[in-house]
Amino acid sequence: VCNSWVYPAKKYKSERIFFANQAYLPGETPEPLRNYREKELVNLRGNGNGKLEEWDRVYDYALYNDLGDPEKGKQYARTILGGSAEYPYPRRGRTGRKPTKADPKSESRIPLLMSLDIYVPRDERFGHIKLSDFLTYALKSIVQFLIPEFQALFDSTPDEFDSFEDVLKLYEGGIKLPQGPFLKALTDSIPLEILKEIIRTDGEGKFKFPTPQVIQEDKSSWRTDEEFAREMLAGVNPVIISRLQEFPPK
């Protein structure tokens, strides 16, 4: 196992070397491996030129020269942060984007949505599926925040769960998508995993969290002795759950 992302050979400017069996400190590296290790270090450092792509593994740094947007006008220009004799730091990860036309010393900015795909060394990035899950659940969390805000306009206790049904609504309901060949063809044609996660064909409601496994079969199983013991072993500490002293709660 190489423990690294691998792309087609044409994406790389040099051959890849994998040290997958034993780790050595630099001073303890066997002599036959020293040359290979030095070449690998050069590849990881990069040469400081060009735009870094998704498949690159360069760990390089740059000044904060992308804080402003001089293309919009002088009032949007910002001083470069770092690099002076008095304040050499902080530094950011280098991406190698093109300089702006208005100020060649400033790096061009990217749209907010595109920043979700900004360069990070490939072995440090989320995998495609993990990234899509992360962004999708972030979107679902935002929706779960907005919906109660609208409902609170007509609710006398907007900051409370009035019943167990209120809790279950986090997982149930939503917009059910019908199964069929048209929707399947649509999702198959979408290249982005995040859209495939949002527009699902397995019956899960849009913008709803998946039902916790513990209550999938029985909605009251959360209060059984077996579940109490499982939570204790898992470190959830269910002892902090206390009995309601007054009903309805104020």
Protein backbone atom coordinates (compact mmCIF):
# COMPACT_ATOMS: atom_id res chain seq x y z
CA VAL A 1 0.00 0.00 0.00
CA CYS A 2 1.50 3.35 -1.03
CA ASN A 3 -0.70 5.46 1.31
CA SER A 4 -0.87 8.24 -1.25
CA TRP A 5 -3.13 9.44 -4.06
CA VAL A 6 -1.88 8.35 -7.46
CA TYR A 7 -2.72 10.02 -10.77
CA PRO A 8 -1.84 9.02 -14.36
CA ALA A 9 1.89 9.21 -15.08
CA LYS A 10 1.37 12.02 -17.62
CA LYS A 11 0.30 14.32 -14.76
CA TYR A 12 3.73 14.13 -13.14
CA LYS A 13 6.97 15.72 -14.29
CA SER A 14 9.08 13.08 -12.56
CA GLU A 15 8.72 9.48 -11.51
CA ARG A 16 7.06 8.78 -8.18
CA ILE A 17 8.93 7.00 -5.42
CA PHE A 18 7.11 5.30 -2.56
CA PHE A 19 8.75 4.57 0.78
CA ALA A 20 6.11 2.26 2.17
CA ASN A 21 7.90 -0.23 4.41
CA GLN A 22 10.01 1.51 7.08
CA ALA A 23 10.56 5.10 8.23
CA TYR A 24 14.05 6.52 8.74
CA LEU A 25 15.27 9.78 10.21
CA PRO A 26 17.32 11.78 7.66
CA GLY A 27 20.60 10.94 9.39
CA GLU A 28 19.74 7.23 9.55
CA THR A 29 18.69 6.81 5.91
CA PRO A 30 20.56 3.88 4.30
CA GLU A 31 23.11 5.06 1.77
CA PRO A 32 21.41 3.43 -1.28
CA LEU A 33 18.21 5.38 -0.50
CA ARG A 34 19.73 8.81 0.13
CA ASN A 35 19.65 9.93 -3.49
CA TYR A 36 16.00 8.87 -3.89
CA ARG A 37 15.04 10.62 -0.69
CA GLU A 38 16.74 13.85 -1.74
CA LYS A 39 14.93 13.79 -5.09
CA GLU A 40 11.61 13.24 -3.35
CA LEU A 41 12.30 16.21 -1.07
CA VAL A 42 13.01 18.42 -4.10
CA ASN A 43 9.70 17.36 -5.66
CA LEU A 44 7.77 18.13 -2.48
CA ARG A 45 9.36 21.57 -2.15
CA GLY A 46 8.58 22.58 -5.74
CA ASN A 47 10.34 25.25 -7.74
CA GLY A 48 8.10 28.20 -6.82
CA ASN A 49 6.78 28.64 -10.37
CA GLY A 50 3.50 27.92 -12.10
CA LYS A 51 -0.01 27.20 -10.92
CA LEU A 52 -0.38 24.20 -8.65
CA GLU A 53 -2.97 21.66 -9.77
CA GLU A 54 -5.06 19.10 -7.92
CA TRP A 55 -2.58 16.27 -8.55
CA ASP A 56 0.48 18.21 -7.34
CA ARG A 57 2.13 17.33 -4.03
CA VAL A 58 4.06 20.57 -3.51
CA TYR A 59 4.32 21.95 0.03
CA ASP A 60 5.31 25.55 -0.71
CA TYR A 61 4.49 28.87 0.93
CA ALA A 62 3.73 32.40 -0.23
CA LEU A 63 3.00 35.83 1.21
CA TYR A 64 -0.54 36.98 1.90
CA ASN A 65 -0.76 38.93 -1.34
CA ASP A 66 -4.36 38.02 -2.15
CA LEU A 67 -6.19 39.90 0.62
CA GLY A 68 -7.35 42.67 -1.69
CA ASP A 69 -8.83 42.91 -5.15
CA PRO A 70 -7.06 45.76 -6.98
CA GLU A 71 -8.87 44.87 -10.21
CA LYS A 72 -12.00 46.50 -8.74
CA GLY A 73 -10.22 49.75 -7.90
CA LYS A 74 -7.63 51.28 -5.59
CA GLN A 75 -10.03 51.28 -2.64
CA TYR A 76 -10.06 47.47 -2.77
CA ALA A 77 -6.27 47.10 -2.73
CA ARG A 78 -4.67 45.72 0.43
CA THR A 79 -1.12 45.74 1.77
CA ILE A 80 0.82 42.50 1.37
CA LEU A 81 1.01 40.71 4.70
CA GLY A 82 4.39 39.17 5.55
CA GLY A 83 7.72 39.25 3.75
CA SER A 84 9.11 42.43 5.31
CA ALA A 85 12.28 42.57 7.39
CA GLU A 86 10.26 43.42 10.48
CA TYR A 87 7.36 41.04 9.84
CA PRO A 88 8.51 38.13 7.65
CA TYR A 89 5.47 36.09 8.66
CA PRO A 90 2.69 34.92 8.42
CA ARG A 91 2.77 32.81 5.29
CA ARG A 92 0.06 30.87 3.46
CA GLY A 93 0.11 27.82 1.27
CA ARG A 94 1.20 28.74 -2.25
CA THR A 95 -1.36 28.15 -5.01
CA GLY A 96 0.40 29.82 -7.94
CA ARG A 97 -2.59 31.75 -9.28
CA LYS A 98 -1.93 34.44 -11.88
CA PRO A 99 -1.04 37.98 -10.70
CA THR A 100 -3.56 40.77 -11.14
CA LYS A 101 -3.19 43.18 -14.04
CA ALA A 102 -3.56 46.24 -11.80
CA ASP A 103 -0.84 45.10 -9.38
CA PRO A 104 1.58 42.38 -10.53
CA LYS A 105 2.66 41.81 -6.92
CA SER A 106 -0.87 40.79 -5.91
CA GLU A 107 -2.26 37.37 -6.71
CA SER A 108 -5.65 37.13 -8.37
CA ARG A 109 -8.59 36.10 -6.24
CA ILE A 110 -11.09 33.34 -6.96
CA PRO A 111 -14.88 33.34 -6.46
CA LEU A 112 -16.19 32.19 -3.09
CA LEU A 113 -17.63 28.92 -4.37
CA MET A 114 -14.43 28.12 -6.24
CA SER A 115 -12.47 28.56 -3.00
CA LEU A 116 -13.95 25.25 -1.84
CA ASP A 117 -11.64 23.64 -4.40
CA ILE A 118 -8.54 25.72 -3.67
CA TYR A 119 -5.18 23.98 -3.95
CA VAL A 120 -4.08 21.84 -1.02
CA PRO A 121 -1.38 19.16 -1.37
CA ARG A 122 -3.25 16.10 -2.60
CA ASP A 123 -2.46 13.84 0.32
CA GLU A 124 -3.81 16.49 2.72
CA ARG A 125 -7.16 16.95 0.95
CA PHE A 126 -10.41 15.18 1.67
CA GLY A 127 -11.24 12.41 -0.76
CA HIS A 128 -13.92 13.23 -3.32
CA ILE A 129 -16.63 11.32 -1.45
CA LYS A 130 -15.64 12.69 1.95
CA LEU A 131 -15.54 16.25 0.59
CA SER A 132 -18.99 15.86 -0.97
CA ASP A 133 -20.37 14.48 2.31
CA PHE A 134 -18.81 17.37 4.24
CA LEU A 135 -20.26 20.05 1.95
CA THR A 136 -23.65 18.35 1.69
CA TYR A 137 -24.12 18.04 5.43
CA ALA A 138 -22.98 21.63 5.84
CA LEU A 139 -25.77 22.64 3.43
CA LYS A 140 -28.28 20.49 5.29
CA SER A 141 -27.21 22.10 8.58
CA ILE A 142 -27.82 25.57 7.14
CA VAL A 143 -31.27 24.53 5.92
CA GLN A 144 -32.09 23.03 9.31
CA PHE A 145 -31.22 26.40 10.82
CA LEU A 146 -33.25 28.47 8.36
CA ILE A 147 -36.45 26.42 8.46
CA PRO A 148 -36.93 26.81 12.25
CA GLU A 149 -36.29 30.54 11.90
CA PHE A 150 -39.30 30.82 9.59
CA GLN A 151 -41.39 28.50 11.75
CA ALA A 152 -40.51 30.52 14.85
CA LEU A 153 -42.63 33.37 13.54
CA PHE A 154 -45.68 31.23 14.32
CA ASP A 155 -44.36 29.29 17.33
CA SER A 156 -44.69 30.46 20.94
CA THR A 157 -41.66 28.37 22.01
CA PRO A 158 -39.25 28.65 19.06
CA ASP A 159 -36.14 27.65 21.03
CA GLU A 160 -37.56 24.40 22.42
CA PHE A 161 -38.63 20.96 21.28
CA ASP A 162 -42.28 20.77 22.28
CA SER A 163 -42.52 17.03 21.67
CA PHE A 164 -40.58 14.03 20.40
CA GLU A 165 -42.23 14.62 17.05
CA ASP A 166 -40.29 17.89 16.77
CA VAL A 167 -37.05 15.94 17.13
CA LEU A 168 -38.08 13.31 14.60
CA LYS A 169 -38.90 16.02 12.06
CA LEU A 170 -35.16 16.61 11.75
CA TYR A 171 -34.95 13.25 9.99
CA GLU A 172 -38.39 12.55 8.59
CA GLY A 173 -40.35 14.34 5.90
CA GLY A 174 -38.57 16.66 3.53
CA ILE A 175 -39.04 16.60 -0.21
CA LYS A 176 -39.29 13.03 -1.37
CA LEU A 177 -37.86 12.39 -4.82
CA PRO A 178 -39.65 9.81 -6.97
CA GLN A 179 -37.65 6.92 -8.30
CA GLY A 180 -37.51 6.52 -12.05
CA PRO A 181 -35.26 6.30 -15.09
CA PHE A 182 -35.36 10.06 -15.76
CA LEU A 183 -34.01 11.02 -12.33
CA LYS A 184 -31.42 8.26 -12.47
CA ALA A 185 -30.22 9.47 -15.87
CA LEU A 186 -30.06 13.02 -14.51
CA THR A 187 -27.95 12.11 -11.49
CA ASP A 188 -25.68 9.88 -13.57
CA SER A 189 -24.91 12.82 -15.85
CA ILE A 190 -23.92 15.12 -12.96
CA PRO A 191 -20.16 14.93 -12.42
CA LEU A 192 -20.14 16.56 -8.99
CA GLU A 193 -20.49 14.16 -6.08
CA ILE A 194 -22.05 16.84 -3.92
CA LEU A 195 -25.02 17.20 -6.30
CA LYS A 196 -25.43 13.45 -6.38
CA GLU A 197 -25.57 13.49 -2.59
CA ILE A 198 -28.23 16.21 -2.52
CA ILE A 199 -30.37 14.75 -5.32
CA ARG A 200 -30.61 11.16 -4.16
CA THR A 201 -32.69 8.35 -5.62
CA ASP A 202 -32.79 6.12 -2.54
CA GLY A 203 -35.86 7.81 -1.07
CA GLU A 204 -34.07 10.01 1.45
CA GLY A 205 -35.64 13.44 1.79
CA LYS A 206 -33.76 16.44 0.51
CA PHE A 207 -32.20 18.63 3.20
CA LYS A 208 -32.96 16.05 5.89
CA PHE A 209 -30.43 14.24 8.04
CA PRO A 210 -30.37 10.42 7.84
CA THR A 211 -32.28 8.74 10.64
CA PRO A 212 -29.96 7.57 13.46
CA GLN A 213 -29.50 3.83 13.36
CA VAL A 214 -30.64 3.41 16.95
CA ILE A 215 -34.20 4.56 16.14
CA GLN A 216 -34.56 3.22 12.62
CA GLU A 217 -36.45 0.10 13.74
CA ASP A 218 -38.05 1.39 16.94
CA LYS A 219 -38.42 5.09 17.72
CA SER A 220 -38.47 4.37 21.48
CA SER A 221 -35.35 2.20 21.54
CA TRP A 222 -33.26 5.15 22.70
CA ARG A 223 -34.58 4.68 26.26
CA THR A 224 -33.85 0.96 26.65
CA ASP A 225 -31.31 -0.39 29.14
CA GLU A 226 -29.26 -1.81 26.29
CA GLU A 227 -28.93 1.59 24.63
CA PHE A 228 -28.08 3.20 27.97
CA ALA A 229 -25.23 0.72 28.43
CA ARG A 230 -24.01 1.27 24.86
CA GLU A 231 -23.90 5.03 25.37
CA MET A 232 -21.98 4.60 28.62
CA LEU A 233 -19.36 2.44 26.88
CA ALA A 234 -19.19 4.90 23.97
CA GLY A 235 -18.50 7.81 26.32
CA VAL A 236 -21.74 9.68 25.61
CA ASN A 237 -22.50 9.89 29.37
CA PRO A 238 -26.31 9.48 29.35
CA VAL A 239 -26.35 10.04 33.13
CA ILE A 240 -26.56 13.77 32.50
CA ILE A 241 -30.06 13.26 31.07
CA SER A 242 -32.51 14.24 33.81
CA ARG A 243 -36.22 13.72 34.26
CA LEU A 244 -38.56 16.54 33.35
CA GLN A 245 -39.77 18.07 36.61
CA GLU A 246 -42.62 20.13 35.22
CA PHE A 247 -44.88 19.66 32.21
CA PRO A 248 -45.49 21.44 30.02
CA PRO A 249 -42.08 23.11 30.30
CA LYS A 250 -42.01 26.86 30.59
